[in-house]
Protein backbone atom coordinates (compact mmCIF):
# COMPACT_ATOMS: atom_id res chain seq x y z
CA MET A 1 0.00 0.00 0.00
CA SER A 2 2.85 2.35 0.78
CA GLY A 3 4.29 1.71 -2.70
CA VAL A 4 0.99 2.61 -4.32
CA SER A 5 0.79 5.74 -2.18
CA ARG A 6 4.31 6.79 -3.06
CA ARG A 7 3.65 6.13 -6.76
CA SER A 8 0.48 8.20 -6.67
CA LYS A 9 2.43 11.17 -5.32
CA SER A 10 5.40 10.90 -7.66
CA ASP A 11 3.78 9.69 -10.88
CA PRO A 12 3.77 12.62 -13.37
CA GLN A 13 0.60 11.35 -15.00
CA VAL A 14 -1.26 11.37 -11.68
CA ASN A 15 0.05 14.80 -10.76
CA GLY A 16 -0.73 16.11 -14.24
CA SER A 17 -4.30 14.87 -14.13
CA THR A 18 -4.78 16.37 -10.67
CA LYS A 19 -3.47 19.75 -11.79
CA HIS A 20 -5.61 19.64 -14.92
CA LYS A 21 -8.69 18.87 -12.86
CA MET A 22 -7.86 21.69 -10.45
CA ALA A 23 -7.41 24.08 -13.37
CA MET A 24 -10.78 23.00 -14.82
CA ASP A 25 -12.49 23.45 -11.47
CA ARG A 26 -10.89 26.82 -10.76
CA GLU A 27 -13.01 28.73 -13.27
CA GLU A 28 -16.16 27.06 -11.99
CA LEU A 29 -15.24 28.03 -8.44
CA LYS A 30 -14.69 31.63 -9.49
CA LYS A 31 -18.10 31.74 -11.14
CA GLU A 32 -19.69 30.19 -8.08
CA ARG A 33 -17.92 32.67 -5.80
CA ALA A 34 -19.01 35.62 -7.95
CA SER A 35 -22.63 34.45 -7.62
CA LEU A 36 -22.45 34.66 -3.82
CA VAL A 37 -24.36 37.92 -3.47
CA LEU A 38 -27.39 38.78 -1.37
CA TRP A 39 -29.75 39.26 -4.31
CA ARG A 40 -29.02 35.78 -5.70
CA HIS A 41 -28.40 33.57 -2.68
CA PRO A 42 -29.40 35.59 0.40
CA LEU A 43 -29.40 32.81 3.01
CA ARG A 44 -26.19 31.18 1.82
CA THR A 45 -24.44 34.55 1.53
CA LEU A 46 -25.45 35.58 5.04
CA TYR A 47 -24.39 32.19 6.42
CA TYR A 48 -20.96 32.34 4.77
CA ALA A 49 -20.49 35.97 5.83
CA THR A 50 -21.27 35.07 9.45
CA LEU A 51 -18.78 32.19 9.38
CA GLU A 52 -16.08 34.40 7.87
CA MET A 53 -16.65 37.09 10.48
CA ALA A 54 -16.44 34.45 13.23
CA HIS A 55 -13.18 33.16 11.69
CA PHE A 56 -11.79 36.70 11.55
CA LEU A 57 -12.64 37.36 15.21
CA LYS A 58 -11.17 34.02 16.27
CA SER A 59 -7.93 34.54 14.34
CA SER A 60 -7.64 38.11 15.66
CA LEU A 61 -8.04 36.84 19.22
CA GLN A 62 -5.39 34.20 18.64
CA ARG A 63 -2.96 36.80 17.29
CA MET A 64 -3.61 38.97 20.33
CA LEU A 65 -2.90 36.05 22.65
CA HIS A 66 0.45 35.50 20.89
CA HIS A 67 1.43 39.05 21.90
CA ARG A 68 0.39 39.00 25.55
CA VAL A 69 3.02 41.48 26.71
CA LEU A 70 2.08 44.05 24.08
CA MET A 71 -1.64 43.61 24.68
CA THR A 72 -1.10 43.96 28.45
CA MET A 73 0.75 47.23 27.89
CA VAL A 74 -2.00 48.49 25.58
CA PHE A 75 -4.66 47.53 28.14
CA LEU A 76 -2.82 49.29 30.99
CA LEU A 77 -2.28 52.40 28.86
CA THR A 78 -5.96 52.44 27.85
CA ALA A 79 -7.03 52.03 31.49
CA ALA A 80 -4.75 54.89 32.56
CA ILE A 81 -6.10 57.20 29.83
CA ALA A 82 -9.70 56.29 30.73
CA PHE A 83 -8.95 57.03 34.40
CA VAL A 84 -7.49 60.44 33.62
CA ILE A 85 -10.41 61.30 31.35
CA ASN A 86 -13.11 60.36 33.86
CA VAL A 87 -11.54 61.83 37.01
CA GLN A 88 -12.83 65.33 37.65
CA GLY A 89 -10.32 68.10 38.17
CA PRO A 90 -8.79 71.25 36.68
CA HIS A 91 -7.10 69.15 33.98
CA GLN A 92 -10.50 68.61 32.33
CA LYS A 93 -10.30 72.12 30.84
CA VAL A 94 -7.35 70.92 28.77
CA ILE A 95 -8.44 67.34 28.16
CA GLU A 96 -11.99 68.04 26.89
CA PRO A 97 -11.05 70.24 23.90
CA PHE A 98 -8.06 68.00 23.18
CA LEU A 99 -10.26 64.88 23.06
CA LYS A 100 -12.84 66.68 20.94
CA ASN A 101 -10.17 67.57 18.38
CA ILE A 102 -8.76 64.04 18.43
CA TRP A 103 -12.17 62.45 17.81
CA TRP A 104 -12.86 65.03 15.08
CA CYS A 105 -9.65 63.99 13.32
CA VAL A 106 -10.40 60.28 13.79
CA TYR A 107 -13.88 60.83 12.34
CA TRP A 108 -12.55 62.30 9.09
CA LEU A 109 -9.68 59.81 8.94
CA GLY A 110 -12.17 56.95 9.21
CA LEU A 111 -14.38 58.43 6.50
CA GLY A 112 -11.33 58.63 4.24
CA VAL A 113 -10.49 54.98 4.85
CA LEU A 114 -14.08 53.98 4.09
CA SER A 115 -13.91 55.89 0.83
CA SER A 116 -10.93 53.99 -0.61
CA VAL A 117 -10.68 50.64 1.17
CA GLY A 118 -11.41 47.62 -1.04
CA LEU A 119 -11.40 47.25 -4.80
CA GLY A 120 -14.17 49.53 -5.98
CA THR A 121 -16.59 48.95 -3.08
CA GLY A 122 -15.66 51.96 -0.97
CA LEU A 123 -18.20 54.35 0.51
CA HIS A 124 -17.75 57.59 -1.43
CA THR A 125 -17.58 59.81 1.62
CA PHE A 126 -16.28 62.90 -0.21
CA LEU A 127 -19.60 63.26 -2.04
CA LEU A 128 -21.59 62.38 1.08
CA TYR A 129 -19.70 64.17 3.86
CA LEU A 130 -16.56 66.17 3.10
CA GLY A 131 -17.86 67.90 -0.05
CA PRO A 132 -21.13 69.04 1.63
CA TYR A 133 -19.14 70.11 4.71
CA ILE A 134 -16.83 72.33 2.63
CA ALA A 135 -19.84 73.65 0.72
CA SER A 136 -21.67 74.54 3.96
CA VAL A 137 -18.60 76.38 5.31
CA THR A 138 -18.31 78.26 1.99
CA LEU A 139 -21.98 79.32 1.94
CA ALA A 140 -21.80 80.31 5.62
CA ALA A 141 -18.65 82.38 5.07
CA TYR A 142 -20.34 84.49 2.38
CA GLU A 143 -23.56 84.81 4.35
CA CYS A 144 -21.89 85.64 7.68
CA GLN A 145 -19.08 87.70 6.12
CA SER A 146 -16.86 85.90 8.60
CA LEU A 147 -15.17 82.58 9.37
CA ASP A 148 -15.02 83.13 13.14
CA PHE A 149 -17.91 80.78 13.87
CA PRO A 150 -18.46 80.50 17.65
CA GLN A 151 -17.06 77.40 19.35
CA PRO A 152 -19.13 75.61 20.47
CA PRO A 153 -21.22 74.76 18.42
CA TYR A 154 -18.66 74.84 15.54
CA PRO A 155 -17.66 72.44 13.98
CA ASP A 156 -20.79 70.45 14.87
CA GLU A 157 -22.98 73.31 13.70
CA ILE A 158 -22.26 76.61 11.95
CA ILE A 159 -23.72 79.81 13.40
CA CYS A 160 -22.82 83.32 12.34
CA PRO A 161 -20.91 85.33 14.97
CA ASP A 162 -22.53 88.42 16.49
CA GLN A 163 -19.96 90.67 14.87
CA PRO A 164 -18.67 90.17 11.31
CA ASN A 165 -14.96 89.69 10.79
CA LEU A 166 -13.38 93.03 9.90
CA HIS A 167 -10.67 91.21 7.93
CA TRP A 168 -13.23 89.42 5.72
CA ASP A 169 -14.02 91.28 2.54
CA ALA A 170 -15.06 88.84 -0.16
CA SER A 171 -15.88 91.60 -2.61
CA ALA A 172 -12.40 93.13 -2.40
CA SER A 173 -10.50 89.95 -3.33
CA VAL A 174 -12.17 86.74 -4.43
CA TRP A 175 -8.97 84.74 -4.02
CA SER A 176 -8.34 86.00 -0.49
CA ALA A 177 -11.80 84.70 0.46
CA VAL A 178 -11.13 81.38 -1.25
CA LEU A 179 -7.78 80.98 0.50
CA ALA A 180 -9.35 81.84 3.87
CA ILE A 181 -12.03 79.15 3.40
CA MET A 182 -9.39 76.62 2.30
CA ALA A 183 -7.46 77.31 5.50
CA LYS A 184 -10.64 76.89 7.56
CA VAL A 185 -11.29 73.36 6.26
CA ARG A 186 -7.64 72.31 5.89
CA LEU A 187 -7.59 69.94 8.88
CA GLU A 188 -10.72 68.04 7.85
CA ALA A 189 -9.58 67.76 4.24
CA PHE A 190 -6.08 66.61 5.19
CA MET A 191 -7.34 63.92 7.59
CA TRP A 192 -9.82 62.67 5.00
CA GLY A 193 -7.07 62.54 2.38
CA ALA A 194 -4.75 60.72 4.79
CA GLY A 195 -7.53 58.18 5.38
CA THR A 196 -7.85 57.54 1.65
CA ALA A 197 -4.07 56.96 1.53
CA LEU A 198 -4.34 54.40 4.35
CA GLY A 199 -7.16 52.70 2.48
CA GLU A 200 -4.82 52.03 -0.46
CA LEU A 201 -2.47 49.88 1.64
CA PRO A 202 -4.38 46.52 1.59
CA PRO A 203 -3.96 45.97 -2.19
CA TYR A 204 -0.27 46.92 -1.88
CA PHE A 205 0.41 44.49 0.98
CA MET A 206 -1.57 41.66 -0.64
CA ALA A 207 0.30 41.94 -3.93
CA ARG A 208 3.63 42.26 -2.12
CA ALA A 209 2.94 39.18 0.02
CA ALA A 210 1.96 37.18 -3.07
CA ARG A 211 5.21 38.17 -4.80
CA LEU A 212 7.39 37.35 -1.77
CA SER A 213 5.67 33.99 -1.31
CA GLY A 214 7.25 32.88 -4.56
CA GLY A 215 4.16 32.42 -6.68
CA ALA A 216 0.83 33.83 -7.66
CA ASP A 217 -2.42 32.56 -6.27
CA ASP A 218 -4.78 31.93 -9.13
CA ASP A 219 -7.74 32.84 -6.93
CA ASP A 220 -6.44 36.22 -5.77
CA ASP A 221 -8.06 39.29 -7.27
CA GLU A 222 -4.72 41.09 -7.22
CA ASP A 223 -3.12 38.34 -9.31
CA ASP A 224 -6.07 38.51 -11.71
CA GLU A 225 -5.31 42.20 -12.19
CA LEU A 226 -1.65 41.44 -12.84
CA ARG A 227 -2.54 38.73 -15.35
CA ASN A 228 -4.87 41.18 -17.07
CA LEU A 229 -2.00 43.64 -17.31
CA GLU A 230 0.21 40.95 -18.87
CA GLU A 231 -2.56 40.24 -21.38
CA LEU A 232 -2.81 43.95 -22.19
CA GLN A 233 0.96 44.14 -22.66
CA ARG A 234 0.74 41.21 -25.08
CA LYS A 235 -2.01 43.01 -27.01
CA GLN A 236 0.12 46.13 -27.21
CA LEU A 237 3.13 44.20 -28.52
CA ASN A 238 0.95 42.54 -31.15
CA HIS A 239 -0.66 45.89 -32.04
CA GLU A 240 -4.13 44.57 -31.24
CA ASP A 241 -7.08 46.89 -30.72
CA MET A 242 -7.63 48.05 -27.13
CA THR A 243 -10.33 50.10 -25.47
CA LEU A 244 -9.65 53.48 -23.90
CA TYR A 245 -9.98 51.91 -20.43
CA GLU A 246 -7.39 49.25 -21.27
CA ARG A 247 -5.00 51.91 -22.56
CA ALA A 248 -5.49 53.86 -19.33
CA LYS A 249 -4.62 50.80 -17.24
CA LEU A 250 -1.44 50.28 -19.24
CA GLY A 251 -0.60 53.95 -18.86
CA VAL A 252 -0.87 53.81 -15.05
CA GLU A 253 1.32 50.70 -14.91
CA LYS A 254 4.00 52.24 -17.14
CA ILE A 255 4.10 55.53 -15.23
CA ILE A 256 4.60 53.74 -11.91
CA GLU A 257 7.12 51.21 -13.20
CA ARG A 258 9.29 53.76 -15.05
CA VAL A 259 9.02 56.92 -12.95
CA GLY A 260 8.74 55.46 -9.45
CA PHE A 261 8.01 57.93 -6.64
CA PHE A 262 6.98 60.78 -8.93
CA GLY A 263 4.85 58.44 -11.02
CA ILE A 264 2.95 57.31 -7.92
CA LEU A 265 2.68 60.95 -6.83
CA ALA A 266 1.23 61.95 -10.20
CA CYS A 267 -1.35 59.14 -10.15
CA ALA A 268 -2.36 59.94 -6.54
CA SER A 269 -2.63 63.70 -7.13
CA ILE A 270 -5.60 63.51 -9.50
CA PRO A 271 -8.99 61.78 -9.18
CA ASN A 272 -7.97 58.36 -10.44
CA PRO A 273 -10.36 55.37 -10.31
CA LEU A 274 -7.46 53.12 -11.35
CA PHE A 275 -5.29 53.87 -8.30
CA ASP A 276 -6.08 50.45 -6.77
CA LEU A 277 -4.11 49.10 -9.71
CA ALA A 278 -1.20 51.36 -8.69
CA GLY A 279 -1.10 49.76 -5.24
CA ILE A 280 -1.18 46.27 -6.72
CA THR A 281 1.56 47.14 -9.22
CA CYS A 282 3.79 48.67 -6.53
CA GLY A 283 3.34 45.63 -4.30
CA HIS A 284 4.08 43.22 -7.13
CA PHE A 285 7.27 45.04 -8.15
CA LEU A 286 8.34 45.31 -4.47
CA VAL A 287 8.37 49.10 -4.41
CA PRO A 288 9.56 50.15 -0.90
CA PHE A 289 6.72 50.86 1.51
CA TRP A 290 7.68 54.45 2.28
CA THR A 291 8.13 55.23 -1.39
CA PHE A 292 4.59 54.05 -2.11
CA PHE A 293 2.89 55.38 1.02
CA GLY A 294 4.83 58.66 1.09
CA ALA A 295 3.93 59.50 -2.51
CA THR A 296 0.33 58.38 -1.95
CA LEU A 297 -0.03 60.46 1.23
CA ILE A 298 1.41 63.62 -0.34
CA GLY A 299 -0.62 63.15 -3.51
CA LYS A 300 -3.98 62.40 -1.87
CA ALA A 301 -3.84 64.39 1.38
CA VAL A 302 -2.06 67.50 0.08
CA ILE A 303 -2.16 67.98 -3.69
CA LYS A 304 -5.45 66.34 -4.65
CA MET A 305 -7.29 67.63 -1.59
CA HIS A 306 -6.32 71.22 -2.41
CA ILE A 307 -7.63 70.72 -5.94
CA GLN A 308 -10.91 69.26 -4.66
CA LYS A 309 -11.30 71.95 -2.01
CA LEU A 310 -10.70 74.67 -4.57
CA PHE A 311 -13.29 73.19 -6.92
CA VAL A 312 -15.99 72.92 -4.21
CA ILE A 313 -15.31 76.40 -2.79
CA ILE A 314 -15.47 78.06 -6.21
CA ALA A 315 -18.59 76.07 -7.17
CA PHE A 316 -20.44 77.02 -3.97
CA ASN A 317 -19.61 80.69 -3.59
CA GLU A 318 -22.74 82.74 -3.00
CA PRO A 319 -22.83 84.78 -6.25
CA LEU A 320 -22.42 81.68 -8.39
CA ILE A 321 -25.07 79.73 -6.46
CA GLU A 322 -27.58 82.58 -6.76
CA ALA A 323 -26.88 82.89 -10.48
CA ALA A 324 -27.32 79.12 -10.95
CA VAL A 325 -30.65 79.14 -9.06
CA ALA A 326 -31.84 82.09 -11.15
CA MET A 327 -30.95 80.24 -14.36
CA LEU A 328 -33.11 77.28 -13.32
CA ALA A 329 -36.21 79.36 -14.06
CA LYS A 330 -35.20 79.49 -17.73
CA VAL A 331 -35.43 75.72 -18.13
CA PRO A 332 -38.70 74.94 -19.95
CA TYR A 333 -41.55 73.24 -18.08
CA ILE A 334 -39.62 71.87 -15.07
CA GLY A 335 -37.40 74.92 -14.39
CA PRO A 336 -39.74 76.90 -12.08
CA LYS A 337 -40.77 73.75 -10.23
CA VAL A 338 -37.15 72.77 -9.57
CA GLN A 339 -36.15 76.31 -8.66
CA GLU A 340 -38.55 76.57 -5.73
CA PRO A 341 -37.02 73.69 -3.66
CA PHE A 342 -33.55 75.18 -4.16
CA LYS A 343 -34.73 78.62 -3.03
CA GLU A 344 -36.44 77.11 -0.01
CA PHE A 345 -33.30 75.13 0.88
CA LEU A 346 -31.02 78.18 0.65
CA ALA A 347 -33.43 80.30 2.68
CA ARG A 348 -33.57 77.66 5.43
CA GLN A 349 -29.79 77.39 5.53
CA LYS A 350 -29.38 81.16 5.82
CA SER A 351 -31.96 81.42 8.59
CA LYS A 352 -30.23 78.63 10.53
CA LEU A 353 -26.93 80.50 10.33
CA HIS A 354 -28.33 83.57 12.11
CA ARG A 355 -29.92 81.90 15.15
CA LYS A 356 -28.42 82.30 18.61
CA VAL A 357 -26.04 79.75 20.12
CA GLY A 358 -28.04 77.14 22.03
CA SER A 359 -31.36 77.97 20.38
CA SER A 360 -33.21 75.40 18.34
CA SER A 361 -33.06 75.42 14.57
CA SER A 362 -35.68 77.49 12.80
CA SER A 363 -36.66 74.40 10.85
CA ASP A 364 -37.52 72.40 14.00
CA GLY A 365 -41.13 71.35 14.01
CA HIS A 366 -41.43 71.86 10.28
CA SER A 367 -41.27 69.30 7.57
CA GLN A 368 -37.91 68.73 5.96
CA SER A 369 -37.20 70.43 2.68
CA PHE A 370 -37.33 68.40 -0.50
CA LEU A 371 -33.57 68.64 -1.10
CA ALA A 372 -32.73 67.61 2.47
CA SER A 373 -35.04 64.62 2.17
CA VAL A 374 -33.48 63.56 -1.14
CA PHE A 375 -29.96 63.90 0.25
CA GLU A 376 -30.87 61.90 3.35
CA LYS A 377 -32.26 59.08 1.21
CA LEU A 378 -29.14 59.18 -0.98
CA VAL A 379 -26.88 58.82 2.06
CA ILE A 380 -28.96 55.95 3.43
CA SER A 381 -29.00 54.12 0.09
CA MET A 382 -25.21 54.42 -0.34
CA VAL A 383 -24.56 53.25 3.21
CA VAL A 384 -26.88 50.27 2.67
CA TYR A 385 -25.07 49.45 -0.58
CA PHE A 386 -21.73 49.64 1.23
CA ILE A 387 -22.94 47.26 3.96
CA ILE A 388 -24.29 44.86 1.33
CA SER A 389 -20.93 44.91 -0.49
CA ILE A 390 -19.16 44.08 2.80
CA VAL A 391 -21.48 41.12 3.42
CA ASN A 392 -20.91 39.88 -0.14
CA SER A 393 -17.14 40.25 0.24
CA LEU A 394 -17.14 38.31 3.52
CA ALA A 395 -19.16 35.48 1.98
CA GLN A 396 -16.88 35.29 -1.06
CA ALA A 397 -13.79 35.36 1.17
CA TYR A 398 -15.14 32.39 3.13
CA HIS A 399 -15.89 30.49 -0.07
CA LYS A 400 -12.38 31.21 -1.36
CA ARG A 401 -10.71 30.19 1.91
CA ILE A 402 -12.44 26.83 2.31
CA HIS A 403 -11.74 25.82 -1.30
CA LYS A 404 -8.10 26.84 -0.98
CA GLN A 405 -7.89 24.53 2.04
CA GLU A 406 -9.50 21.71 0.04
CA ASN A 407 -7.10 22.23 -2.87
CA ALA A 408 -4.15 22.19 -0.50
CA LYS A 409 -5.30 18.83 0.87
CA VAL A 410 -5.73 17.41 -2.63
CA ALA A 411 -2.24 18.60 -3.61
CA THR A 412 -0.64 16.84 -0.63
CA ASP A 413 -2.51 13.54 -1.08
């Protein structure tokens, strides 16, 4: 029996047939994994997602137990910080504003991570949170003729100060007003941009780990992207027709491979839906971590965020908004009907800016405006979509993991 077992492991024909069968099954497994979504197999998807989350929690707990000394130090430090925070005393005058600023930074950092983490399934928090926040500060600055919003309630709420800022004169210099607003929202924009840079690290580390392991995993999405790039390179060498999207992917790969730091910086400094590919490419070619992350951080948190801030501030300055609302009336049939909700929304926002600190909003007790209701439903729908994509990803990760374990057993038998 041992001779038969040894022959089955060493016989090239047996090994060849096993590999062929695994190759044939691999495509079927990928199709089956892609079908694991809530709208096709809701119960199975939820079941797999629950098992994957349980596996993640279990493995995380095991890793924590392997680092008992570090975890003990973290626990003691956390307990000491909690004690200092909760004990009453004169130090609370310093700690309370410090903690408020820390949590404010963590809030925007987390929103940035949510916006870029994953391969195309991120929650687009710039459109939902940072963009509207910058727009509200811009509209308030022109209405209040000041950026010295009283604290509190700023930054939770924006209320015009009792006295306008004598240094604010938007009519004298448009660019001075724009620069002042950019400085006002610099912290929030930088933290959000830094969060998007952190969200680009998982594809980089996955591709780097696959390269260092000595071989590609046929089931990894990152390796699929690299194989697609190789196919595109073959098409280019053979002068085959390619779509504009395929040419763009090749362009990103060439810029990063040939230019290095400045290539990554260029790709990160503009709105680039293909930047996930940049992380995968850098990881595959073993680009140093600080080269990749440094260029990504500078590009996303500094250069691109200033471009985005500038665009939002210019788009939402008061004269331009009023002109745009006035032009709505010229649209045939639907123009006047659409103009009224916008006018109502702007009037409500302006009235809210001039209430006293601590007083209730002028819109309390009244029905929400049409635009506010639409925006609220948009936020809810995008958050629900993001949660659904997470559940689908967990279920597909579980499916991938269990079949990789089965294939490993078959390969060793």
